[in-house]
Full PDB file with SEQRES, HELIX, SHEET, SSBOND, CRYST1, ORIGX, SCALE, CONECT and MASTER records, all heavy atoms in Angstrom:
SEQRES   1 A   38  ILE LEU TYR LEU THR PRO VAL THR VAL SER LEU THR LEU          
SEQRES   2 A   38  ILE GLY LEU ILE THR ALA VAL ALA ALA GLY ALA TRP TRP          
SEQRES   3 A   38  ARG SER HIS ALA PRO THR SER ALA LEU ILE ALA ALA              
HELIX    1 AA1 PRO A    6  HIS A   29  1                                  24    
HELIX    2 AA2 PRO A   31  ALA A   37  1                                   7    
CRYST1    1.000    1.000    1.000  90.00  90.00  90.00 P 1           1          
ORIGX1      1.000000  0.000000  0.000000        0.00000                         
ORIGX2      0.000000  1.000000  0.000000        0.00000                         
ORIGX3      0.000000  0.000000  1.000000        0.00000                         
SCALE1      1.000000  0.000000  0.000000        0.00000                         
SCALE2      0.000000  1.000000  0.000000        0.00000                         
SCALE3      0.000000  0.000000  1.000000        0.00000                         
ATOM      1  N   ILE A   1     101.594 194.499  53.549  1.00  0.00           N  
ATOM      2  CA  ILE A   1     100.181 194.182  53.451  1.00  0.00           C  
ATOM      3  C   ILE A   1      99.469 195.115  52.472  1.00  0.00           C  
ATOM      4  O   ILE A   1      98.351 194.811  52.035  1.00  0.00           O  
ATOM      5  CB  ILE A   1      99.480 194.316  54.892  1.00  0.00           C  
ATOM      6  CG1 ILE A   1      99.530 195.773  55.373  1.00  0.00           C  
ATOM      7  CG2 ILE A   1     100.176 193.382  55.901  1.00  0.00           C  
ATOM      8  CD1 ILE A   1      98.801 195.940  56.683  1.00  0.00           C  
ATOM      9  N   LEU A   2     100.076 196.238  52.091  1.00  0.00           N  
ATOM     10  CA  LEU A   2      99.469 197.076  51.086  1.00  0.00           C  
ATOM     11  C   LEU A   2      99.472 196.429  49.762  1.00  0.00           C  
ATOM     12  O   LEU A   2      98.695 196.825  48.824  1.00  0.00           O  
ATOM     13  CB  LEU A   2     100.296 198.420  51.027  1.00  0.00           C  
ATOM     14  CG  LEU A   2     100.334 199.183  52.344  1.00  0.00           C  
ATOM     15  CD1 LEU A   2     101.216 200.475  52.211  1.00  0.00           C  
ATOM     16  CD2 LEU A   2      98.909 199.585  52.836  1.00  0.00           C  
ATOM     17  N   TYR A   3     100.345 195.447  49.542  1.00  0.00           N  
ATOM     18  CA  TYR A   3     100.472 194.770  48.221  1.00  0.00           C  
ATOM     19  C   TYR A   3      99.769 193.417  48.197  1.00  0.00           C  
ATOM     20  O   TYR A   3      99.849 192.662  47.181  1.00  0.00           O  
ATOM     21  CB  TYR A   3     101.939 194.599  47.859  1.00  0.00           C  
ATOM     22  CG  TYR A   3     102.627 195.932  47.790  1.00  0.00           C  
ATOM     23  CD1 TYR A   3     103.499 196.235  48.840  1.00  0.00           C  
ATOM     24  CD2 TYR A   3     102.502 196.813  46.751  1.00  0.00           C  
ATOM     25  CE1 TYR A   3     104.141 197.531  48.883  1.00  0.00           C  
ATOM     26  CE2 TYR A   3     103.157 197.989  46.731  1.00  0.00           C  
ATOM     27  CZ  TYR A   3     103.971 198.363  47.756  1.00  0.00           C  
ATOM     28  OH  TYR A   3     104.621 199.565  47.779  1.00  0.00           O  
ATOM     29  N   LEU A   4      99.013 193.036  49.270  1.00  0.00           N  
ATOM     30  CA  LEU A   4      98.356 191.771  49.315  1.00  0.00           C  
ATOM     31  C   LEU A   4      96.992 191.882  48.655  1.00  0.00           C  
ATOM     32  O   LEU A   4      96.098 192.605  49.066  1.00  0.00           O  
ATOM     33  CB  LEU A   4      98.183 191.291  50.788  1.00  0.00           C  
ATOM     34  CG  LEU A   4      99.384 190.769  51.408  1.00  0.00           C  
ATOM     35  CD1 LEU A   4      99.055 190.392  52.883  1.00  0.00           C  
ATOM     36  CD2 LEU A   4     100.123 189.700  50.674  1.00  0.00           C  
ATOM     37  N   THR A   5      96.893 191.216  47.529  1.00  0.00           N  
ATOM     38  CA  THR A   5      95.657 191.094  46.775  1.00  0.00           C  
ATOM     39  C   THR A   5      95.426 189.622  46.466  1.00  0.00           C  
ATOM     40  O   THR A   5      96.367 188.863  46.608  1.00  0.00           O  
ATOM     41  CB  THR A   5      95.674 191.911  45.483  1.00  0.00           C  
ATOM     42  OG1 THR A   5      96.632 191.260  44.624  1.00  0.00           O  
ATOM     43  CG2 THR A   5      96.065 193.379  45.703  1.00  0.00           C  
ATOM     44  N   PRO A   6      94.267 189.205  46.058  1.00  0.00           N  
ATOM     45  CA  PRO A   6      94.089 187.859  45.658  1.00  0.00           C  
ATOM     46  C   PRO A   6      95.154 187.323  44.613  1.00  0.00           C  
ATOM     47  O   PRO A   6      95.582 186.218  44.637  1.00  0.00           O  
ATOM     48  CB  PRO A   6      92.658 187.752  45.130  1.00  0.00           C  
ATOM     49  CG  PRO A   6      91.922 188.856  45.846  1.00  0.00           C  
ATOM     50  CD  PRO A   6      92.991 189.952  46.043  1.00  0.00           C  
ATOM     51  N   VAL A   7      95.480 188.291  43.663  1.00  0.00           N  
ATOM     52  CA  VAL A   7      96.485 187.910  42.675  1.00  0.00           C  
ATOM     53  C   VAL A   7      97.836 187.692  43.278  1.00  0.00           C  
ATOM     54  O   VAL A   7      98.502 186.703  43.010  1.00  0.00           O  
ATOM     55  CB  VAL A   7      96.488 188.983  41.534  1.00  0.00           C  
ATOM     56  CG1 VAL A   7      97.637 188.743  40.557  1.00  0.00           C  
ATOM     57  CG2 VAL A   7      95.132 189.019  40.818  1.00  0.00           C  
ATOM     58  N   THR A   8      98.305 188.597  44.074  1.00  0.00           N  
ATOM     59  CA  THR A   8      99.668 188.546  44.654  1.00  0.00           C  
ATOM     60  C   THR A   8      99.751 187.283  45.643  1.00  0.00           C  
ATOM     61  O   THR A   8     100.746 186.668  45.642  1.00  0.00           O  
ATOM     62  CB  THR A   8     100.112 189.807  45.365  1.00  0.00           C  
ATOM     63  OG1 THR A   8      99.155 190.142  46.389  1.00  0.00           O  
ATOM     64  CG2 THR A   8     100.227 190.955  44.380  1.00  0.00           C  
ATOM     65  N   VAL A   9      98.681 187.039  46.382  1.00  0.00           N  
ATOM     66  CA  VAL A   9      98.694 185.870  47.282  1.00  0.00           C  
ATOM     67  C   VAL A   9      98.776 184.641  46.477  1.00  0.00           C  
ATOM     68  O   VAL A   9      99.536 183.652  46.723  1.00  0.00           O  
ATOM     69  CB  VAL A   9      97.453 185.935  48.250  1.00  0.00           C  
ATOM     70  CG1 VAL A   9      97.388 184.613  48.977  1.00  0.00           C  
ATOM     71  CG2 VAL A   9      97.629 187.123  49.231  1.00  0.00           C  
ATOM     72  N   SER A  10      97.957 184.572  45.413  1.00  0.00           N  
ATOM     73  CA  SER A  10      97.941 183.365  44.503  1.00  0.00           C  
ATOM     74  C   SER A  10      99.320 183.101  43.885  1.00  0.00           C  
ATOM     75  O   SER A  10      99.780 182.010  43.871  1.00  0.00           O  
ATOM     76  CB  SER A  10      96.854 183.441  43.445  1.00  0.00           C  
ATOM     77  OG  SER A  10      95.567 183.618  43.994  1.00  0.00           O  
ATOM     78  N   LEU A  11      99.891 184.140  43.385  1.00  0.00           N  
ATOM     79  CA  LEU A  11     101.199 184.070  42.719  1.00  0.00           C  
ATOM     80  C   LEU A  11     102.239 183.682  43.739  1.00  0.00           C  
ATOM     81  O   LEU A  11     103.156 182.864  43.426  1.00  0.00           O  
ATOM     82  CB  LEU A  11     101.590 185.405  42.042  1.00  0.00           C  
ATOM     83  CG  LEU A  11     100.797 185.800  40.809  1.00  0.00           C  
ATOM     84  CD1 LEU A  11     101.195 187.193  40.326  1.00  0.00           C  
ATOM     85  CD2 LEU A  11     101.022 184.744  39.697  1.00  0.00           C  
ATOM     86  N   THR A  12     102.168 184.188  44.949  1.00  0.00           N  
ATOM     87  CA  THR A  12     103.106 183.850  45.967  1.00  0.00           C  
ATOM     88  C   THR A  12     102.964 182.309  46.326  1.00  0.00           C  
ATOM     89  O   THR A  12     103.957 181.621  46.445  1.00  0.00           O  
ATOM     90  CB  THR A  12     102.886 184.633  47.270  1.00  0.00           C  
ATOM     91  OG1 THR A  12     103.052 186.042  46.988  1.00  0.00           O  
ATOM     92  CG2 THR A  12     103.830 184.305  48.422  1.00  0.00           C  
ATOM     93  N   LEU A  13     101.731 181.842  46.501  1.00  0.00           N  
ATOM     94  CA  LEU A  13     101.543 180.454  46.757  1.00  0.00           C  
ATOM     95  C   LEU A  13     102.017 179.537  45.602  1.00  0.00           C  
ATOM     96  O   LEU A  13     102.618 178.504  45.873  1.00  0.00           O  
ATOM     97  CB  LEU A  13     100.108 180.198  47.095  1.00  0.00           C  
ATOM     98  CG  LEU A  13      99.572 180.781  48.406  1.00  0.00           C  
ATOM     99  CD1 LEU A  13      98.087 180.589  48.546  1.00  0.00           C  
ATOM    100  CD2 LEU A  13     100.253 180.114  49.538  1.00  0.00           C  
ATOM    101  N   ILE A  14     101.759 179.964  44.397  1.00  0.00           N  
ATOM    102  CA  ILE A  14     102.226 179.149  43.249  1.00  0.00           C  
ATOM    103  C   ILE A  14     103.741 179.099  43.242  1.00  0.00           C  
ATOM    104  O   ILE A  14     104.322 178.063  42.975  1.00  0.00           O  
ATOM    105  CB  ILE A  14     101.654 179.708  41.937  1.00  0.00           C  
ATOM    106  CG1 ILE A  14     100.140 179.448  41.875  1.00  0.00           C  
ATOM    107  CG2 ILE A  14     102.320 179.096  40.708  1.00  0.00           C  
ATOM    108  CD1 ILE A  14      99.437 180.198  40.768  1.00  0.00           C  
ATOM    109  N   GLY A  15     104.321 180.255  43.437  1.00  0.00           N  
ATOM    110  CA  GLY A  15     105.793 180.243  43.494  1.00  0.00           C  
ATOM    111  C   GLY A  15     106.391 179.418  44.604  1.00  0.00           C  
ATOM    112  O   GLY A  15     107.384 178.742  44.383  1.00  0.00           O  
ATOM    113  N   LEU A  16     105.757 179.466  45.845  1.00  0.00           N  
ATOM    114  CA  LEU A  16     106.290 178.633  46.896  1.00  0.00           C  
ATOM    115  C   LEU A  16     106.095 177.175  46.643  1.00  0.00           C  
ATOM    116  O   LEU A  16     107.013 176.370  46.896  1.00  0.00           O  
ATOM    117  CB  LEU A  16     105.536 179.053  48.210  1.00  0.00           C  
ATOM    118  CG  LEU A  16     105.891 180.449  48.821  1.00  0.00           C  
ATOM    119  CD1 LEU A  16     104.971 180.695  49.952  1.00  0.00           C  
ATOM    120  CD2 LEU A  16     107.311 180.307  49.366  1.00  0.00           C  
ATOM    121  N   ILE A  17     104.976 176.771  46.064  1.00  0.00           N  
ATOM    122  CA  ILE A  17     104.740 175.382  45.772  1.00  0.00           C  
ATOM    123  C   ILE A  17     105.725 174.891  44.756  1.00  0.00           C  
ATOM    124  O   ILE A  17     106.291 173.789  44.887  1.00  0.00           O  
ATOM    125  CB  ILE A  17     103.264 175.188  45.337  1.00  0.00           C  
ATOM    126  CG1 ILE A  17     102.295 175.375  46.482  1.00  0.00           C  
ATOM    127  CG2 ILE A  17     103.079 173.781  44.703  1.00  0.00           C  
ATOM    128  CD1 ILE A  17     100.843 175.507  46.081  1.00  0.00           C  
ATOM    129  N   THR A  18     106.012 175.689  43.724  1.00  0.00           N  
ATOM    130  CA  THR A  18     106.941 175.341  42.682  1.00  0.00           C  
ATOM    131  C   THR A  18     108.359 175.185  43.225  1.00  0.00           C  
ATOM    132  O   THR A  18     109.088 174.265  42.915  1.00  0.00           O  
ATOM    133  CB  THR A  18     106.913 176.457  41.532  1.00  0.00           C  
ATOM    134  OG1 THR A  18     105.568 176.506  41.051  1.00  0.00           O  
ATOM    135  CG2 THR A  18     107.870 176.035  40.463  1.00  0.00           C  
ATOM    136  N   ALA A  19     108.761 176.186  44.105  1.00  0.00           N  
ATOM    137  CA  ALA A  19     110.049 176.160  44.707  1.00  0.00           C  
ATOM    138  C   ALA A  19     110.269 174.911  45.639  1.00  0.00           C  
ATOM    139  O   ALA A  19     111.349 174.303  45.576  1.00  0.00           O  
ATOM    140  CB  ALA A  19     110.293 177.418  45.466  1.00  0.00           C  
ATOM    141  N   VAL A  20     109.219 174.604  46.373  1.00  0.00           N  
ATOM    142  CA  VAL A  20     109.356 173.470  47.300  1.00  0.00           C  
ATOM    143  C   VAL A  20     109.386 172.148  46.508  1.00  0.00           C  
ATOM    144  O   VAL A  20     110.237 171.256  46.797  1.00  0.00           O  
ATOM    145  CB  VAL A  20     108.250 173.454  48.344  1.00  0.00           C  
ATOM    146  CG1 VAL A  20     108.265 172.186  49.171  1.00  0.00           C  
ATOM    147  CG2 VAL A  20     108.380 174.644  49.277  1.00  0.00           C  
ATOM    148  N   ALA A  21     108.573 172.111  45.439  1.00  0.00           N  
ATOM    149  CA  ALA A  21     108.610 170.892  44.586  1.00  0.00           C  
ATOM    150  C   ALA A  21     109.989 170.723  43.920  1.00  0.00           C  
ATOM    151  O   ALA A  21     110.520 169.597  43.840  1.00  0.00           O  
ATOM    152  CB  ALA A  21     107.503 170.929  43.545  1.00  0.00           C  
ATOM    153  N   ALA A  22     110.582 171.777  43.488  1.00  0.00           N  
ATOM    154  CA  ALA A  22     111.874 171.804  42.903  1.00  0.00           C  
ATOM    155  C   ALA A  22     112.937 171.380  43.875  1.00  0.00           C  
ATOM    156  O   ALA A  22     113.835 170.634  43.603  1.00  0.00           O  
ATOM    157  CB  ALA A  22     112.223 173.132  42.272  1.00  0.00           C  
ATOM    158  N   GLY A  23     112.817 171.871  45.151  1.00  0.00           N  
ATOM    159  CA  GLY A  23     113.726 171.495  46.167  1.00  0.00           C  
ATOM    160  C   GLY A  23     113.669 170.011  46.528  1.00  0.00           C  
ATOM    161  O   GLY A  23     114.667 169.386  46.724  1.00  0.00           O  
ATOM    162  N   ALA A  24     112.420 169.477  46.536  1.00  0.00           N  
ATOM    163  CA  ALA A  24     112.302 168.061  46.821  1.00  0.00           C  
ATOM    164  C   ALA A  24     112.864 167.195  45.735  1.00  0.00           C  
ATOM    165  O   ALA A  24     113.548 166.188  45.881  1.00  0.00           O  
ATOM    166  CB  ALA A  24     110.786 167.749  46.958  1.00  0.00           C  
ATOM    167  N   TRP A  25     112.629 167.620  44.415  1.00  0.00           N  
ATOM    168  CA  TRP A  25     113.208 166.909  43.279  1.00  0.00           C  
ATOM    169  C   TRP A  25     114.724 167.021  43.296  1.00  0.00           C  
ATOM    170  O   TRP A  25     115.440 165.988  43.104  1.00  0.00           O  
ATOM    171  CB  TRP A  25     112.705 167.580  42.035  1.00  0.00           C  
ATOM    172  CG  TRP A  25     113.292 166.951  40.783  1.00  0.00           C  
ATOM    173  CD1 TRP A  25     112.814 165.817  40.110  1.00  0.00           C  
ATOM    174  CD2 TRP A  25     114.523 167.322  40.066  1.00  0.00           C  
ATOM    175  NE1 TRP A  25     113.685 165.510  39.050  1.00  0.00           N  
ATOM    176  CE2 TRP A  25     114.653 166.450  39.011  1.00  0.00           C  
ATOM    177  CE3 TRP A  25     115.427 168.337  40.282  1.00  0.00           C  
ATOM    178  CZ2 TRP A  25     115.759 166.514  38.064  1.00  0.00           C  
ATOM    179  CZ3 TRP A  25     116.492 168.451  39.408  1.00  0.00           C  
ATOM    180  CH2 TRP A  25     116.717 167.558  38.325  1.00  0.00           C  
ATOM    181  N   TRP A  26     115.271 168.212  43.679  1.00  0.00           N  
ATOM    182  CA  TRP A  26     116.728 168.357  43.755  1.00  0.00           C  
ATOM    183  C   TRP A  26     117.333 167.512  44.851  1.00  0.00           C  
ATOM    184  O   TRP A  26     118.348 166.843  44.595  1.00  0.00           O  
ATOM    185  CB  TRP A  26     117.024 169.811  44.018  1.00  0.00           C  
ATOM    186  CG  TRP A  26     118.501 170.225  44.061  1.00  0.00           C  
ATOM    187  CD1 TRP A  26     119.577 169.441  43.635  1.00  0.00           C  
ATOM    188  CD2 TRP A  26     119.038 171.470  44.410  1.00  0.00           C  
ATOM    189  NE1 TRP A  26     120.707 170.169  43.798  1.00  0.00           N  
ATOM    190  CE2 TRP A  26     120.414 171.389  44.218  1.00  0.00           C  
ATOM    191  CE3 TRP A  26     118.504 172.666  44.923  1.00  0.00           C  
ATOM    192  CZ2 TRP A  26     121.281 172.409  44.511  1.00  0.00           C  
ATOM    193  CZ3 TRP A  26     119.337 173.698  45.157  1.00  0.00           C  
ATOM    194  CH2 TRP A  26     120.699 173.619  45.023  1.00  0.00           C  
ATOM    195  N   ARG A  27     116.599 167.409  45.941  1.00  0.00           N  
ATOM    196  CA  ARG A  27     117.110 166.524  47.055  1.00  0.00           C  
ATOM    197  C   ARG A  27     117.149 165.069  46.647  1.00  0.00           C  
ATOM    198  O   ARG A  27     118.031 164.317  47.072  1.00  0.00           O  
ATOM    199  CB  ARG A  27     116.250 166.733  48.298  1.00  0.00           C  
ATOM    200  CG  ARG A  27     116.836 166.035  49.502  1.00  0.00           C  
ATOM    201  CD  ARG A  27     116.092 166.461  50.728  1.00  0.00           C  
ATOM    202  NE  ARG A  27     115.472 165.219  51.349  1.00  0.00           N  
ATOM    203  CZ  ARG A  27     114.889 165.324  52.471  1.00  0.00           C  
ATOM    204  NH1 ARG A  27     114.636 166.475  53.098  1.00  0.00           N  
ATOM    205  NH2 ARG A  27     114.417 164.217  52.961  1.00  0.00           N  
ATOM    206  N   SER A  28     116.212 164.655  45.842  1.00  0.00           N  
ATOM    207  CA  SER A  28     116.253 163.225  45.402  1.00  0.00           C  
ATOM    208  C   SER A  28     117.316 162.958  44.405  1.00  0.00           C  
ATOM    209  O   SER A  28     117.760 161.775  44.261  1.00  0.00           O  
ATOM    210  CB  SER A  28     114.886 162.875  44.822  1.00  0.00           C  
ATOM    211  OG  SER A  28     114.658 163.499  43.601  1.00  0.00           O  
ATOM    212  N   HIS A  29     117.806 163.919  43.693  1.00  0.00           N  
ATOM    213  CA  HIS A  29     118.872 163.738  42.646  1.00  0.00           C  
ATOM    214  C   HIS A  29     120.267 164.142  43.148  1.00  0.00           C  
ATOM    215  O   HIS A  29     121.251 163.512  42.666  1.00  0.00           O  
ATOM    216  CB  HIS A  29     118.532 164.541  41.403  1.00  0.00           C  
ATOM    217  CG  HIS A  29     117.421 163.971  40.641  1.00  0.00           C  
ATOM    218  ND1 HIS A  29     116.085 164.098  41.027  1.00  0.00           N  
ATOM    219  CD2 HIS A  29     117.344 163.114  39.586  1.00  0.00           C  
ATOM    220  CE1 HIS A  29     115.285 163.428  40.197  1.00  0.00           C  
ATOM    221  NE2 HIS A  29     116.064 162.868  39.301  1.00  0.00           N  
ATOM    222  N   ALA A  30     120.348 165.071  43.986  1.00  0.00           N  
ATOM    223  CA  ALA A  30     121.711 165.564  44.508  1.00  0.00           C  
ATOM    224  C   ALA A  30     121.516 165.943  45.936  1.00  0.00           C  
ATOM    225  O   ALA A  30     121.455 167.121  46.327  1.00  0.00           O  
ATOM    226  CB  ALA A  30     122.154 166.744  43.653  1.00  0.00           C  
ATOM    227  N   PRO A  31     121.435 164.936  46.885  1.00  0.00           N  
ATOM    228  CA  PRO A  31     121.039 165.269  48.239  1.00  0.00           C  
ATOM    229  C   PRO A  31     122.021 166.221  48.994  1.00  0.00           C  
ATOM    230  O   PRO A  31     121.598 167.086  49.727  1.00  0.00           O  
ATOM    231  CB  PRO A  31     121.096 163.856  48.969  1.00  0.00           C  
ATOM    232  CG  PRO A  31     121.307 162.891  47.908  1.00  0.00           C  
ATOM    233  CD  PRO A  31     121.618 163.558  46.638  1.00  0.00           C  
ATOM    234  N   THR A  32     123.321 166.081  48.750  1.00  0.00           N  
ATOM    235  CA  THR A  32     124.316 166.888  49.474  1.00  0.00           C  
ATOM    236  C   THR A  32     124.178 168.403  49.083  1.00  0.00           C  
ATOM    237  O   THR A  32     124.078 169.257  49.964  1.00  0.00           O  
ATOM    238  CB  THR A  32     125.751 166.392  49.231  1.00  0.00           C  
ATOM    239  OG1 THR A  32     125.802 164.974  49.612  1.00  0.00           O  
ATOM    240  CG2 THR A  32     126.733 167.202  49.999  1.00  0.00           C  
ATOM    241  N   SER A  33     124.170 168.675  47.768  1.00  0.00           N  
ATOM    242  CA  SER A  33     124.091 170.089  47.354  1.00  0.00           C  
ATOM    243  C   SER A  33     122.703 170.634  47.736  1.00  0.00           C  
ATOM    244  O   SER A  33     122.579 171.809  48.120  1.00  0.00           O  
ATOM    245  CB  SER A  33     124.367 170.228  45.854  1.00  0.00           C  
ATOM    246  OG  SER A  33     123.457 169.482  45.129  1.00  0.00           O  
ATOM    247  N   ALA A  34     121.640 169.880  47.631  1.00  0.00           N  
ATOM    248  CA  ALA A  34     120.340 170.323  47.980  1.00  0.00           C  
ATOM    249  C   ALA A  34     120.220 170.611  49.484  1.00  0.00           C  
ATOM    250  O   ALA A  34     119.619 171.578  49.877  1.00  0.00           O  
ATOM    251  CB  ALA A  34     119.231 169.269  47.607  1.00  0.00           C  
ATOM    252  N   LEU A  35     120.891 169.823  50.295  1.00  0.00           N  
ATOM    253  CA  LEU A  35     120.888 170.034  51.753  1.00  0.00           C  
ATOM    254  C   LEU A  35     121.603 171.313  52.066  1.00  0.00           C  
ATOM    255  O   LEU A  35     121.108 172.133  52.860  1.00  0.00           O  
ATOM    256  CB  LEU A  35     121.557 168.833  52.422  1.00  0.00           C  
ATOM    257  CG  LEU A  35     121.623 168.903  53.938  1.00  0.00           C  
ATOM    258  CD1 LEU A  35     120.222 168.671  54.509  1.00  0.00           C  
ATOM    259  CD2 LEU A  35     122.558 167.820  54.489  1.00  0.00           C  
ATOM    260  N   ILE A  36     122.754 171.552  51.459  1.00  0.00           N  
ATOM    261  CA  ILE A  36     123.478 172.822  51.711  1.00  0.00           C  
ATOM    262  C   ILE A  36     122.739 174.024  51.285  1.00  0.00           C  
ATOM    263  O   ILE A  36     122.573 175.034  52.029  1.00  0.00           O  
ATOM    264  CB  ILE A  36     124.839 172.743  51.025  1.00  0.00           C  
ATOM    265  CG1 ILE A  36     125.786 171.697  51.592  1.00  0.00           C  
ATOM    266  CG2 ILE A  36     125.505 174.123  51.042  1.00  0.00           C  
ATOM    267  CD1 ILE A  36     126.987 171.383  50.837  1.00  0.00           C  
ATOM    268  N   ALA A  37     122.081 173.871  50.092  1.00  0.00           N  
ATOM    269  CA  ALA A  37     121.231 175.047  49.643  1.00  0.00           C  
ATOM    270  C   ALA A  37     120.104 175.320  50.539  1.00  0.00           C  
ATOM    271  O   ALA A  37     119.762 176.434  50.849  1.00  0.00           O  
ATOM    272  CB  ALA A  37     120.728 174.748  48.203  1.00  0.00           C  
ATOM    273  N   ALA A  38     119.445 174.298  50.999  1.00  0.00           N  
ATOM    274  CA  ALA A  38     118.259 174.451  51.868  1.00  0.00           C  
ATOM    275  C   ALA A  38     118.680 175.068  53.213  1.00  0.00           C  
ATOM    276  O   ALA A  38     117.979 175.946  53.722  1.00  0.00           O  
ATOM    277  CB  ALA A  38     117.564 173.066  52.181  1.00  0.00           C  
TER     278      ALA A  38                                                      
MASTER        0    0    0    2    0    0    0    6  277    1    0    3          
END                                                                             
């Protein structure tokens, strides 16, 4: 919590959104490997 600032929270959310979008894309192209990775 000492490192939580508007910038770090925003970067964290952007990173999470990007990672989840990439995971959804991966699942649509290679479901088995994406499932194992998830």
